[in-house]
């Protein structure tokens, strides 16, 4: 089963989304957005930019 984005309005009135893996586990959570259009733009940004995103290990 493929992953999916879930979009909703939180208790404070902000739009948010979760990216869920095929097994239903949440693998990414958005910030709050003032409008649905902005939240959808956030989803589109992840779709566009994540396939080639670099993995950087941060050492302490």
Protein backbone atom coordinates (compact mmCIF):
# COMPACT_ATOMS: atom_id res chain seq x y z
CA UNK A 1 0.00 0.00 0.00
CA UNK A 2 1.30 3.46 -0.90
CA UNK A 3 1.77 6.27 1.57
CA UNK A 4 -0.68 9.14 1.85
CA UNK A 5 -1.03 12.70 3.08
CA UNK A 6 -3.79 13.43 5.60
CA UNK A 7 -4.98 17.06 5.78
CA UNK A 8 -7.04 18.50 8.64
CA UNK A 9 -7.81 21.59 10.74
CA UNK A 10 -6.44 21.52 14.29
CA UNK A 11 -8.18 22.81 17.43
CA UNK A 12 -6.59 26.23 16.97
CA UNK A 13 -7.94 26.60 13.43
CA UNK A 14 -4.66 25.93 11.60
CA UNK A 15 -4.41 23.55 8.66
CA UNK A 16 -1.95 20.68 9.16
CA UNK A 17 -0.93 17.50 7.38
CA UNK A 18 0.71 14.20 8.19
CA UNK A 19 2.53 12.00 5.73
CA UNK A 20 1.79 8.37 6.53
CA UNK A 21 3.69 5.33 5.30
CA UNK A 22 1.86 2.43 3.70
CA UNK A 23 1.62 0.74 7.10
CA UNK A 24 -0.17 3.77 8.59
CA UNK A 25 2.79 5.08 10.61
CA UNK A 26 3.23 8.87 10.63
CA UNK A 27 6.60 9.68 9.06
CA UNK A 28 6.28 13.47 8.72
CA UNK A 29 4.15 16.17 10.34
CA UNK A 30 3.69 19.71 9.09
CA UNK A 31 3.71 23.04 10.79
CA UNK A 32 0.38 24.86 11.15
CA UNK A 33 -0.82 26.83 8.12
CA UNK A 34 -3.33 29.69 8.11
CA UNK A 35 -5.09 28.43 4.97
CA UNK A 36 -5.83 25.15 3.24
CA UNK A 37 -4.09 26.43 0.10
CA UNK A 38 -0.89 27.03 2.07
CA UNK A 39 -1.02 23.54 3.55
CA UNK A 40 -1.51 22.02 0.09
CA UNK A 41 1.47 24.08 -1.12
CA UNK A 42 3.49 22.55 1.74
CA UNK A 43 2.49 19.06 0.59
CA UNK A 44 3.43 19.94 -2.99
CA UNK A 45 6.80 21.22 -1.80
CA UNK A 46 7.57 17.93 -0.05
CA UNK A 47 6.53 16.01 -3.14
CA UNK A 48 8.75 18.17 -5.35
CA UNK A 49 11.84 18.57 -3.18
CA UNK A 50 12.10 15.36 -1.16
CA UNK A 51 12.98 12.82 -3.90
CA UNK A 52 16.48 14.28 -4.25
CA UNK A 53 16.91 15.55 -0.71
CA UNK A 54 20.38 15.06 0.71
CA UNK A 55 20.78 13.09 3.94
CA UNK A 56 23.11 14.92 6.32
CA UNK A 57 24.31 13.39 9.56
CA UNK A 58 24.77 15.92 12.34
CA UNK A 59 27.50 15.01 14.83
CA UNK A 60 27.59 16.43 18.32
